[in-house]
Amino acid sequence: MIVFWVESEADKQALVQDEASQFFTTAHFNGHPSVLLRAGRIGELTRNELAEVVQDAWLSRASARRAAAWLSAHPPA
């Protein structure tokens, strides 16, 4: 299982409420800003989808200065 941090509860719900989504949560993670992904399902994500999830997870934990520097160097597509 892979854990990805998310920015907010709204972001978490957006990822886990879609029944077709690879992401899910469990009662253990209630109130925690993260979603889960079974490692065996990682291949169902495109490279771009996975990159976006990883980037968003990092940005949710990065300092404001580091996040701004990253976004400046890697503007959203």
Protein backbone atom coordinates (compact mmCIF):
# COMPACT_ATOMS: atom_id res chain seq x y z
CA MET A 1 0.00 0.00 0.00
CA ILE A 2 1.24 3.48 -0.87
CA VAL A 3 0.18 6.55 1.13
CA PHE A 4 -0.06 9.95 -0.56
CA TRP A 5 -0.58 13.13 1.43
CA VAL A 6 -3.27 15.49 0.16
CA GLU A 7 -3.80 19.19 0.73
CA SER A 8 -7.26 18.99 2.29
CA GLU A 9 -10.20 16.80 3.19
CA ALA A 10 -11.93 18.06 0.03
CA ASP A 11 -9.00 16.83 -2.08
CA LYS A 12 -9.12 13.49 -0.28
CA GLN A 13 -12.83 13.09 -0.89
CA ALA A 14 -12.44 14.03 -4.56
CA LEU A 15 -9.98 11.15 -4.99
CA VAL A 16 -11.79 8.47 -2.99
CA GLN A 17 -15.46 9.13 -3.81
CA ASP A 18 -15.17 8.09 -7.45
CA GLU A 19 -15.84 4.34 -7.44
CA ALA A 20 -13.59 3.89 -10.50
CA SER A 21 -10.68 5.58 -8.71
CA GLN A 22 -7.63 3.58 -7.69
CA PHE A 23 -7.45 5.61 -4.48
CA PHE A 24 -9.20 4.70 -1.26
CA THR A 25 -9.08 5.23 2.48
CA THR A 26 -9.79 3.20 5.60
CA ALA A 27 -11.18 4.04 9.02
CA HIS A 28 -7.61 4.10 10.33
CA PHE A 29 -6.94 7.16 8.13
CA ASN A 30 -10.12 9.09 9.06
CA GLY A 31 -9.12 12.66 9.78
CA HIS A 32 -5.68 12.18 8.22
CA PRO A 33 -4.88 14.18 5.06
CA SER A 34 -3.91 11.21 2.91
CA VAL A 35 -5.21 8.67 0.43
CA LEU A 36 -4.12 5.10 -0.18
CA LEU A 37 -3.23 3.25 -3.35
CA ARG A 38 -2.68 -0.48 -3.63
CA ALA A 39 0.79 -0.95 -5.14
CA GLY A 40 -0.62 -3.54 -7.55
CA ARG A 41 -2.87 -0.87 -9.07
CA ILE A 42 -0.17 1.72 -9.71
CA GLY A 43 0.03 0.61 -13.34
CA GLU A 44 -3.57 1.78 -13.83
CA LEU A 45 -2.36 5.36 -13.51
CA THR A 46 -0.74 7.12 -16.41
CA ARG A 47 2.71 8.55 -15.87
CA ASN A 48 1.21 12.06 -15.84
CA GLU A 49 -1.46 11.09 -13.29
CA LEU A 50 1.14 9.54 -11.01
CA ALA A 51 3.45 12.55 -11.41
CA GLU A 52 0.58 14.88 -10.49
CA VAL A 53 -0.30 12.88 -7.37
CA VAL A 54 3.33 12.76 -6.24
CA GLN A 55 3.84 16.47 -6.93
CA ASP A 56 0.64 17.42 -5.11
CA ALA A 57 1.63 15.24 -2.15
CA TRP A 58 5.03 16.91 -1.96
CA LEU A 59 3.55 20.39 -2.34
CA SER A 60 1.08 19.70 0.47
CA ARG A 61 4.00 19.18 2.88
CA ALA A 62 6.63 21.56 1.47
CA SER A 63 7.38 24.95 2.96
CA ALA A 64 5.82 27.91 1.18
CA ARG A 65 9.27 28.99 -0.09
CA ARG A 66 10.14 25.59 -1.53
CA ALA A 67 6.67 25.13 -3.02
CA ALA A 68 6.86 28.54 -4.71
CA ALA A 69 10.33 27.78 -6.08
CA TRP A 70 9.16 24.39 -7.43
CA LEU A 71 6.05 25.87 -9.05
CA SER A 72 8.10 28.67 -10.57
CA ALA A 73 10.47 26.15 -12.13
CA HIS A 74 7.66 23.72 -13.08
CA PRO A 75 4.57 25.73 -14.05
CA PRO A 76 1.32 23.72 -14.22
CA ALA A 77 0.49 22.52 -17.72
